[in-house]
Structures are given as structure tokens and as C-alpha cells.
Amino acid sequence: MNWRPHDLATFLAIVALVLMYPVSLVANLSKPMLRDWWATRSQASLIKRHSALLKQRDELRDVPVVDEGADLILTFVGVAIATVTFSTHIILGKIFLLLDSMRIIRGDFPRTAFFWILMLSNLGFGMRSVLRVKRARRHISPAVRAKMEKGIESMEAKIAPK
């Protein structure tokens, strides 16, 4: 029995399943940059984005800022979660390929597919954990707040001449 997909729909479904988590990670990481870029396309959207950033800054004034050491610890926690999750993913995948290579050759695709779906969900859990730490760090990090202030100042410079 040949386990490879024979039609285009099955092949595209497998490709979509494999690319689902990396694409969602890239989308989550690039979203703020795309928002700022899109806001510079017209004066009205630039003013709207500027007011949204000012509102976010005002909301963050009540949240205490952590020191640089705690910020580094939070960054390390995110990196440690990612390292453990991705290392587990790689080690379990290699063990699976060593132990189960004969099943793949014989064409026992359902068990193989189930295991890879399980592995992708583990990878997704790791990415969600990293993004959760990053999101929590966003509100209390002095570096993130300084970057927000710099973005507000650059938007004010673009608004002022016009």
C-alpha cells in the first residue's frame, strides 16, 4: 500500500497542516509592524493609529514597569519554554522515525498521521506559550514601552508637517 496522497486536495491538506503553525507564528509576530505601516498610507489612518497608541500608552501608565533584570528573566522564560518544547518535538520525532520507519514503508499511514498531528499540536502549545509570555512582557517591559514612545514620536513627526 502506497501512503503518499494521489490527489491534489489531499496533498494540499497535508501541506496546509504542516504550514499552519509557522505561518500563524509569523503572522502574530509581524502584526504590529504591519499595523504601523498600514497607518502611514493615509493621513486619516495615521491619526487614528496615533490616537490608538496614545490611548494604549495612557492605559499602561497605571501598570508598573519592571526593572531590567526582571525583563531579562521574562525573556529567558520565553526562550526556555521554546527550547524545551522544540527540543522535545525534535527528539520525539527522531525516536518515532527510528522506531516506526518500517510501518511507514509498509504503508500504515493512519498511525503515522496521528502521531504527526500529535507532534504538531505539541509544537503549537509551545508557540502559544511563548506568545503568552511575550504578550505579558509587552505591558511591563521598559524596552517595549520605550519602543512604543519612539513609535508615537515618529508618528507625531509625520503628522506635524502636513
N, C-alpha and C. Protein backbone atom coordinates (compact mmCIF):
# COMPACT_ATOMS: atom_id res chain seq x y z
N MET A 1 0.85 -1.18 0.00
CA MET A 1 0.00 0.00 0.00
C MET A 1 0.89 1.24 0.00
N ASN A 2 0.60 2.14 -0.89
CA ASN A 2 1.37 3.37 -1.01
C ASN A 2 0.68 4.45 -0.18
N TRP A 3 1.38 5.04 0.74
CA TRP A 3 0.77 6.00 1.66
C TRP A 3 0.76 7.42 1.13
N ARG A 4 1.48 7.70 0.05
CA ARG A 4 1.53 9.06 -0.48
C ARG A 4 0.17 9.46 -1.08
N PRO A 5 -0.23 10.72 -0.93
CA PRO A 5 -1.52 11.14 -1.48
C PRO A 5 -1.50 11.12 -3.01
N HIS A 6 -2.62 10.72 -3.57
CA HIS A 6 -2.72 10.60 -5.02
C HIS A 6 -3.48 11.75 -5.66
N ASP A 7 -4.21 12.52 -4.88
CA ASP A 7 -4.94 13.64 -5.47
C ASP A 7 -4.45 14.96 -4.89
N LEU A 8 -4.75 16.02 -5.58
CA LEU A 8 -4.25 17.34 -5.20
C LEU A 8 -4.85 17.83 -3.88
N ALA A 9 -6.11 17.52 -3.62
CA ALA A 9 -6.76 18.01 -2.40
C ALA A 9 -6.10 17.43 -1.15
N THR A 10 -5.78 16.15 -1.16
CA THR A 10 -5.13 15.54 -0.01
C THR A 10 -3.73 16.12 0.19
N PHE A 11 -3.01 16.30 -0.90
CA PHE A 11 -1.67 16.87 -0.82
C PHE A 11 -1.72 18.29 -0.25
N LEU A 12 -2.65 19.10 -0.73
CA LEU A 12 -2.78 20.47 -0.23
C LEU A 12 -3.20 20.50 1.24
N ALA A 13 -4.03 19.53 1.65
CA ALA A 13 -4.44 19.47 3.06
C ALA A 13 -3.24 19.15 3.96
N ILE A 14 -2.38 18.26 3.51
CA ILE A 14 -1.19 17.90 4.30
C ILE A 14 -0.23 19.09 4.37
N VAL A 15 -0.03 19.77 3.23
CA VAL A 15 0.84 20.94 3.21
C VAL A 15 0.29 22.03 4.12
N ALA A 16 -1.03 22.25 4.08
CA ALA A 16 -1.65 23.27 4.93
C ALA A 16 -1.50 22.92 6.41
N LEU A 17 -1.64 21.65 6.74
CA LEU A 17 -1.49 21.23 8.13
C LEU A 17 -0.07 21.44 8.62
N VAL A 18 0.90 21.16 7.78
CA VAL A 18 2.31 21.33 8.17
C VAL A 18 2.66 22.81 8.30
N LEU A 19 2.13 23.66 7.43
CA LEU A 19 2.48 25.08 7.44
C LEU A 19 1.62 25.92 8.38
N MET A 20 0.62 25.34 9.01
CA MET A 20 -0.33 26.09 9.82
C MET A 20 0.36 26.83 10.98
N TYR A 21 1.18 26.17 11.75
CA TYR A 21 1.79 26.80 12.92
C TYR A 21 2.89 27.81 12.56
N PRO A 22 3.80 27.49 11.64
CA PRO A 22 4.80 28.52 11.30
C PRO A 22 4.18 29.79 10.73
N VAL A 23 3.16 29.65 9.91
CA VAL A 23 2.53 30.83 9.32
C VAL A 23 1.81 31.64 10.40
N SER A 24 1.15 30.97 11.35
CA SER A 24 0.47 31.71 12.42
C SER A 24 1.48 32.42 13.32
N LEU A 25 2.64 31.82 13.54
CA LEU A 25 3.68 32.48 14.34
C LEU A 25 4.19 33.73 13.63
N VAL A 26 4.47 33.63 12.35
CA VAL A 26 4.93 34.79 11.59
C VAL A 26 3.86 35.88 11.58
N ALA A 27 2.61 35.49 11.44
CA ALA A 27 1.52 36.47 11.44
C ALA A 27 1.42 37.20 12.77
N ASN A 28 1.54 36.47 13.87
CA ASN A 28 1.46 37.12 15.18
C ASN A 28 2.63 38.04 15.46
N LEU A 29 3.81 37.67 14.98
CA LEU A 29 4.99 38.50 15.24
C LEU A 29 5.05 39.73 14.34
N SER A 30 4.49 39.64 13.15
CA SER A 30 4.58 40.77 12.22
C SER A 30 3.36 41.69 12.27
N LYS A 31 2.35 41.36 13.04
CA LYS A 31 1.13 42.16 13.09
C LYS A 31 1.36 43.62 13.51
N PRO A 32 2.12 43.91 14.58
CA PRO A 32 2.31 45.32 14.95
C PRO A 32 3.04 46.13 13.88
N MET A 33 4.03 45.51 13.23
CA MET A 33 4.75 46.23 12.17
C MET A 33 3.83 46.54 10.99
N LEU A 34 2.97 45.58 10.65
CA LEU A 34 2.03 45.81 9.54
C LEU A 34 1.00 46.88 9.90
N ARG A 35 0.57 46.90 11.16
CA ARG A 35 -0.37 47.95 11.58
C ARG A 35 0.23 49.34 11.43
N ASP A 36 1.47 49.50 11.88
CA ASP A 36 2.12 50.81 11.77
C ASP A 36 2.37 51.18 10.31
N TRP A 37 2.77 50.22 9.49
CA TRP A 37 3.00 50.50 8.07
C TRP A 37 1.69 50.89 7.39
N TRP A 38 0.62 50.17 7.69
CA TRP A 38 -0.66 50.46 7.05
C TRP A 38 -1.19 51.83 7.49
N ALA A 39 -0.88 52.22 8.71
CA ALA A 39 -1.35 53.52 9.21
C ALA A 39 -0.68 54.67 8.49
N THR A 40 0.51 54.48 7.94
CA THR A 40 1.20 55.58 7.25
C THR A 40 0.72 55.78 5.83
N ARG A 41 -0.20 54.97 5.37
CA ARG A 41 -0.66 55.07 3.98
C ARG A 41 -1.59 56.25 3.75
N SER A 42 -2.30 56.69 4.76
CA SER A 42 -3.14 57.87 4.61
C SER A 42 -3.10 58.68 5.90
N GLN A 43 -3.39 59.95 5.78
CA GLN A 43 -3.32 60.85 6.94
C GLN A 43 -4.38 60.48 7.98
N ALA A 44 -5.58 60.12 7.53
CA ALA A 44 -6.66 59.77 8.47
C ALA A 44 -6.31 58.51 9.26
N SER A 45 -5.77 57.50 8.58
CA SER A 45 -5.42 56.28 9.30
C SER A 45 -4.22 56.50 10.21
N LEU A 46 -3.31 57.40 9.81
CA LEU A 46 -2.16 57.72 10.66
C LEU A 46 -2.63 58.39 11.95
N ILE A 47 -3.56 59.30 11.84
CA ILE A 47 -4.10 59.97 13.03
C ILE A 47 -4.86 58.98 13.91
N LYS A 48 -5.60 58.06 13.27
CA LYS A 48 -6.35 57.06 14.02
C LYS A 48 -5.40 56.12 14.77
N ARG A 49 -4.34 55.67 14.11
CA ARG A 49 -3.37 54.79 14.76
C ARG A 49 -2.62 55.53 15.87
N HIS A 50 -2.31 56.80 15.64
CA HIS A 50 -1.64 57.61 16.65
C HIS A 50 -2.50 57.74 17.90
N SER A 51 -3.79 57.99 17.71
CA SER A 51 -4.67 58.11 18.87
C SER A 51 -4.83 56.76 19.58
N ALA A 52 -4.81 55.65 18.83
CA ALA A 52 -4.89 54.33 19.46
C ALA A 52 -3.64 54.06 20.29
N LEU A 53 -2.47 54.46 19.78
CA LEU A 53 -1.23 54.28 20.54
C LEU A 53 -1.22 55.17 21.78
N LEU A 54 -1.72 56.40 21.67
CA LEU A 54 -1.80 57.27 22.84
C LEU A 54 -2.73 56.70 23.91
N LYS A 55 -3.84 56.13 23.46
CA LYS A 55 -4.78 55.51 24.39
C LYS A 55 -4.14 54.31 25.08
N GLN A 56 -3.40 53.49 24.32
CA GLN A 56 -2.72 52.34 24.89
C GLN A 56 -1.65 52.79 25.89
N ARG A 57 -0.94 53.87 25.56
CA ARG A 57 0.08 54.39 26.47
C ARG A 57 -0.55 54.89 27.77
N ASP A 58 -1.69 55.57 27.65
CA ASP A 58 -2.38 56.06 28.85
C ASP A 58 -2.87 54.92 29.73
N GLU A 59 -3.33 53.82 29.10
CA GLU A 59 -3.76 52.67 29.87
C GLU A 59 -2.58 52.00 30.59
N LEU A 60 -1.40 52.06 29.98
CA LEU A 60 -0.23 51.41 30.56
C LEU A 60 0.43 52.25 31.65
N ARG A 61 0.02 53.50 31.82
CA ARG A 61 0.64 54.34 32.86
C ARG A 61 0.35 53.79 34.26
N ASP A 62 -0.79 53.13 34.42
CA ASP A 62 -1.15 52.57 35.73
C ASP A 62 -0.44 51.25 36.01
N VAL A 63 0.05 50.58 34.96
CA VAL A 63 0.72 49.29 35.13
C VAL A 63 2.17 49.55 35.50
N PRO A 64 2.65 48.94 36.59
CA PRO A 64 4.04 49.19 36.99
C PRO A 64 5.04 48.60 36.00
N VAL A 65 6.15 49.29 35.84
CA VAL A 65 7.22 48.83 34.95
C VAL A 65 8.21 48.01 35.78
N VAL A 66 8.65 46.89 35.22
CA VAL A 66 9.64 46.08 35.91
C VAL A 66 11.04 46.60 35.60
N ASP A 67 11.99 46.19 36.40
CA ASP A 67 13.37 46.60 36.12
C ASP A 67 13.97 45.73 35.02
N GLU A 68 15.18 46.06 34.61
CA GLU A 68 15.83 45.35 33.51
C GLU A 68 16.07 43.88 33.83
N GLY A 69 16.39 43.59 35.09
CA GLY A 69 16.65 42.20 35.49
C GLY A 69 15.41 41.32 35.34
N ALA A 70 14.28 41.81 35.82
CA ALA A 70 13.04 41.05 35.69
C ALA A 70 12.63 40.91 34.22
N ASP A 71 12.90 41.94 33.43
CA ASP A 71 12.61 41.86 32.00
C ASP A 71 13.46 40.78 31.33
N LEU A 72 14.72 40.70 31.71
CA LEU A 72 15.58 39.65 31.18
C LEU A 72 15.12 38.27 31.62
N ILE A 73 14.63 38.15 32.85
CA ILE A 73 14.13 36.87 33.34
C ILE A 73 12.90 36.45 32.53
N LEU A 74 11.99 37.38 32.28
CA LEU A 74 10.82 37.05 31.46
C LEU A 74 11.22 36.63 30.05
N THR A 75 12.20 37.31 29.49
CA THR A 75 12.69 36.92 28.17
C THR A 75 13.28 35.53 28.22
N PHE A 76 14.05 35.23 29.26
CA PHE A 76 14.64 33.91 29.41
C PHE A 76 13.57 32.84 29.57
N VAL A 77 12.50 33.13 30.30
CA VAL A 77 11.42 32.15 30.46
C VAL A 77 10.81 31.81 29.11
N GLY A 78 10.56 32.82 28.29
CA GLY A 78 10.02 32.56 26.96
C GLY A 78 10.96 31.72 26.11
N VAL A 79 12.24 32.03 26.16
CA VAL A 79 13.23 31.26 25.40
C VAL A 79 13.33 29.83 25.94
N ALA A 80 13.28 29.67 27.27
CA ALA A 80 13.37 28.33 27.86
C ALA A 80 12.16 27.48 27.47
N ILE A 81 10.97 28.06 27.49
CA ILE A 81 9.77 27.32 27.08
C ILE A 81 9.90 26.89 25.62
N ALA A 82 10.34 27.81 24.77
CA ALA A 82 10.50 27.47 23.36
C ALA A 82 11.55 26.39 23.17
N THR A 83 12.66 26.48 23.86
CA THR A 83 13.73 25.49 23.72
C THR A 83 13.28 24.11 24.16
N VAL A 84 12.62 24.02 25.31
CA VAL A 84 12.16 22.73 25.80
C VAL A 84 11.11 22.14 24.85
N THR A 85 10.17 22.95 24.42
CA THR A 85 9.12 22.44 23.54
C THR A 85 9.68 21.99 22.20
N PHE A 86 10.52 22.80 21.58
CA PHE A 86 11.03 22.44 20.27
C PHE A 86 12.03 21.28 20.36
N SER A 87 12.81 21.21 21.44
CA SER A 87 13.73 20.09 21.61
C SER A 87 12.95 18.79 21.81
N THR A 88 11.90 18.84 22.61
CA THR A 88 11.05 17.66 22.79
C THR A 88 10.44 17.23 21.47
N HIS A 89 10.00 18.21 20.72
CA HIS A 89 9.41 17.92 19.41
C HIS A 89 10.42 17.21 18.51
N ILE A 90 11.63 17.70 18.47
CA ILE A 90 12.65 17.10 17.60
C ILE A 90 13.05 15.72 18.10
N ILE A 91 13.26 15.56 19.41
CA ILE A 91 13.69 14.26 19.95
C ILE A 91 12.60 13.21 19.75
N LEU A 92 11.36 13.55 20.07
CA LEU A 92 10.28 12.58 19.88
C LEU A 92 10.08 12.24 18.40
N GLY A 93 10.25 13.23 17.54
CA GLY A 93 10.13 12.96 16.11
C GLY A 93 11.21 12.01 15.62
N LYS A 94 12.43 12.18 16.08
CA LYS A 94 13.52 11.28 15.68
C LYS A 94 13.31 9.88 16.24
N ILE A 95 12.88 9.79 17.49
CA ILE A 95 12.59 8.47 18.07
C ILE A 95 11.49 7.78 17.28
N PHE A 96 10.46 8.54 16.95
CA PHE A 96 9.36 7.97 16.19
C PHE A 96 9.84 7.47 14.83
N LEU A 97 10.64 8.26 14.15
CA LEU A 97 11.12 7.83 12.84
C LEU A 97 11.99 6.59 12.93
N LEU A 98 12.78 6.48 13.99
CA LEU A 98 13.61 5.28 14.15
C LEU A 98 12.77 4.05 14.46
N LEU A 99 11.83 4.18 15.37
CA LEU A 99 11.03 3.04 15.80
C LEU A 99 9.94 2.66 14.79
N ASP A 100 9.45 3.62 14.08
CA ASP A 100 8.27 3.37 13.25
C ASP A 100 8.56 3.46 11.76
N SER A 101 9.81 3.41 11.35
CA SER A 101 10.11 3.55 9.93
C SER A 101 9.57 2.38 9.12
N MET A 102 9.52 1.21 9.72
CA MET A 102 9.01 0.05 8.98
C MET A 102 7.51 0.18 8.72
N ARG A 103 6.77 0.76 9.65
CA ARG A 103 5.34 0.97 9.42
C ARG A 103 5.11 1.95 8.26
N ILE A 104 5.95 2.98 8.18
CA ILE A 104 5.82 3.94 7.09
C ILE A 104 6.11 3.24 5.76
N ILE A 105 7.15 2.41 5.74
CA ILE A 105 7.49 1.70 4.50
C ILE A 105 6.38 0.73 4.10
N ARG A 106 5.78 0.05 5.08
CA ARG A 106 4.69 -0.88 4.78
C ARG A 106 3.42 -0.15 4.37
N GLY A 107 3.33 1.12 4.66
CA GLY A 107 2.15 1.90 4.24
C GLY A 107 1.11 2.07 5.30
N ASP A 108 1.45 1.92 6.58
CA ASP A 108 0.49 2.11 7.66
C ASP A 108 0.40 3.60 7.96
N PHE A 109 -0.26 4.34 7.09
CA PHE A 109 -0.30 5.80 7.18
C PHE A 109 -1.15 6.34 8.32
N PRO A 110 -2.30 5.74 8.69
CA PRO A 110 -3.12 6.35 9.75
C PRO A 110 -2.39 6.53 11.08
N ARG A 111 -1.61 5.55 11.52
CA ARG A 111 -0.88 5.71 12.78
C ARG A 111 0.20 6.79 12.64
N THR A 112 0.85 6.81 11.51
CA THR A 112 1.88 7.81 11.26
C THR A 112 1.28 9.21 11.26
N ALA A 113 0.15 9.38 10.57
CA ALA A 113 -0.51 10.69 10.50
C ALA A 113 -0.98 11.13 11.88
N PHE A 114 -1.51 10.19 12.68
CA PHE A 114 -1.96 10.54 14.02
C PHE A 114 -0.80 11.06 14.87
N PHE A 115 0.35 10.39 14.77
CA PHE A 115 1.49 10.82 15.57
C PHE A 115 1.95 12.20 15.14
N TRP A 116 2.01 12.47 13.85
CA TRP A 116 2.47 13.79 13.40
C TRP A 116 1.48 14.89 13.76
N ILE A 117 0.21 14.57 13.76
CA ILE A 117 -0.78 15.56 14.22
C ILE A 117 -0.56 15.85 15.70
N LEU A 118 -0.26 14.80 16.48
CA LEU A 118 0.05 14.98 17.89
C LEU A 118 1.30 15.84 18.07
N MET A 119 2.31 15.61 17.25
CA MET A 119 3.54 16.39 17.34
C MET A 119 3.29 17.85 16.97
N LEU A 120 2.48 18.10 15.95
CA LEU A 120 2.18 19.48 15.57
C LEU A 120 1.38 20.19 16.65
N SER A 121 0.50 19.48 17.34
CA SER A 121 -0.22 20.12 18.44
C SER A 121 0.73 20.46 19.59
N ASN A 122 1.73 19.63 19.83
CA ASN A 122 2.76 19.94 20.84
C ASN A 122 3.53 21.18 20.43
N LEU A 123 3.87 21.27 19.16
CA LEU A 123 4.57 22.45 18.65
C LEU A 123 3.70 23.70 18.81
N GLY A 124 2.42 23.56 18.53
CA GLY A 124 1.50 24.68 18.70
C GLY A 124 1.39 25.12 20.14
N PHE A 125 1.40 24.17 21.08
CA PHE A 125 1.37 24.51 22.50
C PHE A 125 2.60 25.32 22.89
N GLY A 126 3.75 24.93 22.38
CA GLY A 126 4.98 25.67 22.67
C GLY A 126 4.93 27.08 22.13
N MET A 127 4.43 27.23 20.91
CA MET A 127 4.35 28.57 20.31
C MET A 127 3.35 29.43 21.07
N ARG A 128 2.23 28.85 21.47
CA ARG A 128 1.26 29.63 22.24
C ARG A 128 1.84 30.06 23.58
N SER A 129 2.63 29.20 24.21
CA SER A 129 3.26 29.55 25.49
C SER A 129 4.25 30.69 25.32
N VAL A 130 5.04 30.64 24.26
CA VAL A 130 6.00 31.72 24.00
C VAL A 130 5.26 33.02 23.74
N LEU A 131 4.20 32.97 22.94
CA LEU A 131 3.45 34.19 22.65
C LEU A 131 2.75 34.73 23.90
N ARG A 132 2.33 33.83 24.80
CA ARG A 132 1.70 34.28 26.04
C ARG A 132 2.69 35.03 26.92
N VAL A 133 3.93 34.52 27.02
CA VAL A 133 4.96 35.22 27.79
C VAL A 133 5.30 36.55 27.13
N LYS A 134 5.39 36.55 25.81
CA LYS A 134 5.69 37.79 25.08
C LYS A 134 4.59 38.83 25.29
N ARG A 135 3.34 38.38 25.27
CA ARG A 135 2.22 39.29 25.47
C ARG A 135 2.22 39.86 26.89
N ALA A 136 2.55 39.03 27.88
CA ALA A 136 2.60 39.50 29.27
C ALA A 136 3.75 40.48 29.45
N ARG A 137 4.86 40.22 28.77
CA ARG A 137 6.04 41.08 28.87
C ARG A 137 5.79 42.44 28.21
N ARG A 138 4.93 42.46 27.21
CA ARG A 138 4.69 43.68 26.45
C ARG A 138 4.20 44.83 27.34
N HIS A 139 3.43 44.51 28.36
CA HIS A 139 2.83 45.57 29.18
C HIS A 139 3.76 46.11 30.26
N ILE A 140 4.74 45.32 30.67
CA ILE A 140 5.54 45.74 31.81
C ILE A 140 7.01 45.98 31.47
N SER A 141 7.42 45.74 30.25
CA SER A 141 8.83 45.87 29.89
C SER A 141 9.19 47.32 29.59
N PRO A 142 10.29 47.80 30.16
CA PRO A 142 10.71 49.17 29.84
C PRO A 142 11.17 49.31 28.39
N ALA A 143 11.75 48.25 27.83
CA ALA A 143 12.21 48.31 26.44
C ALA A 143 11.02 48.43 25.48
N VAL A 144 9.95 47.69 25.76
CA VAL A 144 8.77 47.75 24.90
C VAL A 144 8.10 49.12 25.01
N ARG A 145 8.06 49.66 26.21
CA ARG A 145 7.46 50.99 26.37
C ARG A 145 8.29 52.07 25.68
N ALA A 146 9.62 51.93 25.74
CA ALA A 146 10.47 52.90 25.04
C ALA A 146 10.26 52.81 23.54
N LYS A 147 10.08 51.59 23.04
CA LYS A 147 9.82 51.41 21.61
C LYS A 147 8.48 52.03 21.23
N MET A 148 7.47 51.89 22.11
CA MET A 148 6.17 52.50 21.85
C MET A 148 6.28 54.02 21.82
N GLU A 149 7.04 54.59 22.76
CA GLU A 149 7.24 56.04 22.78
C GLU A 149 7.93 56.52 21.50
N LYS A 150 8.90 55.76 21.04
CA LYS A 150 9.61 56.11 19.82
C LYS A 150 8.65 56.07 18.62
N GLY A 151 7.77 55.06 18.59
CA GLY A 151 6.78 54.97 17.52
C GLY A 151 5.80 56.14 17.55
N ILE A 152 5.40 56.55 18.75
CA ILE A 152 4.48 57.70 18.88
C ILE A 152 5.17 58.97 18.40
N GLU A 153 6.44 59.14 18.77
CA GLU A 153 7.17 60.33 18.34
C GLU A 153 7.36 60.36 16.82
N SER A 154 7.61 59.21 16.20
CA SER A 154 7.77 59.18 14.74
C SER A 154 6.45 59.47 14.05
N MET A 155 5.33 59.00 14.62
CA MET A 155 4.03 59.31 14.04
C MET A 155 3.71 60.78 14.19
N GLU A 156 4.08 61.35 15.35
CA GLU A 156 3.82 62.79 15.54
C GLU A 156 4.64 63.62 14.55
N ALA A 157 5.86 63.15 14.24
CA ALA A 157 6.70 63.87 13.26
C ALA A 157 6.08 63.78 11.87
N LYS A 158 5.45 62.67 11.54
CA LYS A 158 4.81 62.53 10.22
C LYS A 158 3.51 63.33 10.14
N ILE A 159 2.82 63.46 11.28
CA ILE A 159 1.56 64.20 11.29
C ILE A 159 1.82 65.71 11.25
N ALA A 160 2.83 66.21 11.97
CA ALA A 160 3.07 67.63 12.14
C ALA A 160 3.31 68.40 10.84
N PRO A 161 4.15 67.92 9.90
CA PRO A 161 4.41 68.75 8.71
C PRO A 161 3.20 68.91 7.80
N LYS A 162 2.25 68.02 7.85
CA LYS A 162 1.14 68.07 6.89
C LYS A 162 0.00 68.85 7.38
